[in-house]
Protein backbone atom coordinates (compact mmCIF):
# COMPACT_ATOMS: atom_id res chain seq x y z
CA MET A 1 92.96 93.86 57.94
CA LYS A 2 90.87 95.80 60.49
CA LYS A 3 90.94 92.86 62.87
CA SER A 4 94.75 92.62 62.75
CA ILE A 5 95.12 96.38 63.37
CA LEU A 6 92.77 96.15 66.35
CA THR A 7 94.71 93.14 67.66
CA LEU A 8 97.99 95.05 67.29
CA ILE A 9 96.58 98.07 69.15
CA CYS A 10 95.34 95.82 71.98
CA LEU A 11 98.72 94.10 72.15
CA ILE A 12 100.59 97.42 72.34
CA ALA A 13 98.20 98.66 75.07
CA ALA A 14 98.66 95.44 77.08
CA ILE A 15 102.46 95.69 76.82
CA SER A 16 102.36 99.36 77.85
CA ILE A 17 100.21 98.60 80.90
CA SER A 18 102.38 95.67 81.96
CA GLN A 19 105.58 97.70 81.52
CA ALA A 20 104.11 100.58 83.52
CA GLN A 21 103.53 98.12 86.35
CA LEU A 22 106.97 96.47 86.12
CA PHE A 23 109.45 99.29 85.52
CA PRO A 24 110.90 101.02 88.61
CA THR A 25 109.51 104.48 89.33
CA PHE A 26 110.83 107.26 91.55
CA LYS A 27 109.12 110.52 92.49
CA VAL A 28 109.86 113.30 95.00
CA GLY A 29 107.62 116.24 95.76
CA LEU A 30 106.05 118.74 98.12
CA LYS A 31 102.58 118.57 99.64
CA GLY A 32 100.13 120.54 101.71
CA GLY A 33 96.74 119.79 103.10
CA LEU A 34 93.94 120.40 105.55
CA GLY A 35 93.29 118.06 108.47
CA PHE A 36 89.93 117.68 110.19
CA SER A 37 90.68 116.13 113.58
CA SER A 38 88.97 115.16 116.78
CA LEU A 39 90.23 113.71 120.04
CA ARG A 40 88.28 110.73 121.36
CA SER A 41 88.26 109.92 125.05
CA GLU A 42 86.54 107.32 127.17
CA GLY A 43 86.17 109.88 129.93
CA ARG A 44 84.46 113.26 129.85
CA PHE A 45 87.63 115.34 129.76
CA LEU A 46 87.72 115.98 126.02
CA ASN A 47 84.82 116.08 123.61
CA SER A 48 84.97 115.15 119.94
CA ASP A 49 84.38 118.48 118.20
CA THR A 50 86.09 118.43 114.82
CA LYS A 51 88.50 121.30 114.14
CA THR A 52 90.61 122.20 111.10
CA GLY A 53 94.42 122.16 111.06
CA PHE A 54 97.05 121.92 108.33
CA GLN A 55 100.03 119.91 107.04
CA LEU A 56 103.08 121.01 105.03
CA GLY A 57 105.95 118.78 103.95
CA ALA A 58 107.67 116.52 101.44
CA TRP A 59 107.10 113.04 100.06
CA GLY A 60 108.87 110.45 97.95
CA ARG A 61 107.63 107.36 96.12
CA VAL A 62 109.59 104.33 94.96
CA GLY A 63 107.70 101.65 93.05
CA ILE A 64 108.21 98.45 91.15
CA ALA A 65 105.97 95.57 89.99
CA GLY A 66 102.78 97.54 90.62
CA PHE A 67 103.50 98.38 94.27
CA HIS A 68 105.17 101.38 95.88
CA VAL A 69 106.51 102.65 99.18
CA GLN A 70 105.80 106.31 99.93
CA PRO A 71 107.59 107.82 102.92
CA GLU A 72 106.56 111.34 103.87
CA ALA A 73 107.71 113.96 106.37
CA TYR A 74 105.57 116.93 107.27
CA TYR A 75 104.80 119.51 109.92
CA ALA A 76 101.24 119.14 111.19
CA SER A 77 99.03 121.37 113.27
CA LYS A 78 96.16 119.27 114.66
CA LYS A 79 93.35 121.16 116.34
CA VAL A 80 90.66 119.59 118.53
CA GLY A 81 87.75 120.83 120.59
CA ILE A 82 87.95 120.19 124.33
CA GLN A 83 85.56 120.25 127.22
CA THR A 84 86.99 120.28 130.74
CA GLU A 85 85.50 118.32 133.61
CA ASP A 86 83.79 121.45 134.89
CA GLY A 87 82.03 121.98 131.50
CA GLN A 88 84.24 124.70 130.00
CA ASN A 89 84.77 124.51 126.24
CA GLY A 90 88.02 125.33 124.48
CA ASP A 91 90.45 124.31 121.76
CA ALA A 92 93.74 122.44 121.81
CA THR A 93 96.43 122.52 119.12
CA PHE A 94 98.96 119.70 118.81
CA LYS A 95 101.95 120.67 116.65
CA SER A 96 103.98 117.71 115.46
CA PHE A 97 106.46 116.38 112.94
CA ASP A 98 104.72 113.40 111.29
CA VAL A 99 106.40 110.56 109.38
CA PRO A 100 104.02 108.18 107.58
CA VAL A 101 105.42 105.21 105.66
CA LEU A 102 102.78 104.12 103.17
CA LEU A 103 102.61 100.95 101.09
CA GLY A 104 100.31 101.08 98.11
CA THR A 105 99.49 100.34 94.53
CA ARG A 106 98.75 102.54 91.55
CA ILE A 107 96.26 101.74 88.82
CA GLY A 108 96.47 103.69 85.61
CA LEU A 109 98.36 104.30 82.45
CA GLY A 110 101.09 106.87 81.98
CA PRO A 111 100.66 110.16 83.83
CA ILE A 112 97.08 109.50 85.00
CA GLY A 113 96.40 107.02 87.77
CA ALA A 114 94.58 106.23 90.99
CA ARG A 115 96.29 105.01 94.17
CA ILE A 116 95.32 103.18 97.33
CA GLN A 117 97.75 103.35 100.28
CA ALA A 118 98.03 102.42 103.94
CA GLY A 119 100.69 102.23 106.62
CA PRO A 120 101.93 103.46 109.99
CA VAL A 121 102.37 107.11 110.95
CA PHE A 122 104.76 108.27 113.66
CA SER A 123 104.13 111.69 115.25
CA PHE A 124 106.70 113.60 117.29
CA GLY A 125 105.57 116.60 119.38
CA GLN A 126 107.48 119.80 118.69
CA ASN A 127 109.07 121.44 121.76
CA GLU A 128 106.20 120.35 124.00
CA ASP A 129 104.12 122.66 121.83
CA ILE A 130 100.57 121.92 122.88
CA SER A 131 98.53 125.10 123.32
CA PHE A 132 95.15 125.32 124.99
CA THR A 133 92.61 128.12 125.30
CA LYS A 134 91.76 127.11 128.88
CA PRO A 135 94.33 126.67 131.67
CA ALA A 136 94.77 123.08 132.81
CA GLU A 137 97.44 120.55 133.81
CA TRP A 138 98.89 119.23 130.55
CA SER A 139 102.21 117.75 131.68
CA ASN A 140 100.75 114.25 131.26
CA TYR A 141 100.71 114.47 127.46
CA LYS A 142 103.18 112.27 125.58
CA LYS A 143 105.76 113.72 123.21
CA SER A 144 105.19 111.08 120.51
CA SER A 145 102.39 108.88 119.23
CA THR A 146 101.73 106.18 116.66
CA GLY A 147 98.79 105.61 114.36
CA ILE A 148 97.69 104.01 111.14
CA ILE A 149 96.80 105.93 108.02
CA GLY A 150 95.08 104.90 104.82
CA GLY A 151 93.39 106.42 101.85
CA ILE A 152 93.02 106.96 98.16
CA GLY A 153 94.71 109.33 95.78
CA ALA A 154 94.98 110.40 92.18
CA ASP A 155 97.95 111.41 90.05
CA ILE A 156 97.55 113.69 87.06
CA SER A 157 100.98 114.25 85.54
CA SER A 158 103.02 115.98 88.29
CA PHE A 159 100.01 116.84 90.50
CA THR A 160 98.65 114.60 93.26
CA VAL A 161 95.46 114.69 95.32
CA ASP A 162 94.90 112.52 98.41
CA LEU A 163 92.03 111.75 100.79
CA ARG A 164 93.14 109.90 103.95
CA TYR A 165 92.00 108.82 107.38
CA GLU A 166 94.38 108.67 110.35
CA HIS A 167 93.49 106.60 113.40
CA GLY A 168 95.59 107.01 116.55
CA LEU A 169 96.84 103.76 118.08
CA SER A 170 98.67 105.13 121.10
CA ASN A 171 97.18 107.25 123.85
CA LEU A 172 98.21 110.92 123.85
CA ASN A 173 97.72 111.22 127.59
CA GLU A 174 99.68 109.23 130.21
CA THR A 175 96.62 108.92 132.45
CA GLY A 176 93.72 108.46 130.04
CA ASN A 177 92.58 106.90 126.81
CA GLN A 178 92.74 109.78 124.31
CA LYS A 179 93.50 109.20 120.64
CA ILE A 180 93.54 111.45 117.57
CA ARG A 181 91.17 110.72 114.68
CA MET A 182 91.73 112.77 111.55
CA TRP A 183 90.57 113.08 107.93
CA THR A 184 92.94 114.90 105.58
CA ILE A 185 92.69 116.18 102.06
CA GLY A 186 95.96 117.13 100.45
CA VAL A 187 97.47 118.30 97.21
CA GLY A 188 101.01 117.86 96.04
CA PHE A 189 103.43 118.39 93.23
CA SER A 190 106.27 116.09 92.14
CA PHE A 191 109.36 117.74 90.77
CA LEU A 192 111.22 114.48 90.03
């Protein structure tokens, strides 16, 4: 009798897990986070001091068969430390509208789960809004860039937590090799 009850419980759990992986899911929410970024350069124009910025925006997630696509759209303020050729230190702030499109999978049962995600991120500069604490010639900076982003996350009911790394693929400067590197930690809430 006990063995058949245990077998029934295991069977119900297995069916629940398989259905959670197969049924379509849809979520929409808001998110915010902190970004810890640096700007890498082959030359000596910019150093790699890590500075803290922020992100605010929205996300959606559509999943089926254990995989999901998660497009996001958020305003980002990325700060980096700079060092000019003559040795002066300062800060630069890149304000952008970022659009990552993440592909991932979720492991878990019901409202609690862990995620792993990766995909491209497209960044669009806002109104040429790059501010610097030291005067310099900045007209060579591009208005858009591309990178890859990946990380892990956790869902607990309607709340989400993410830890991600963003690696710039395109140069930010027309004349040099300068790319953003950024770690982010974010929290979100799904209302659908």
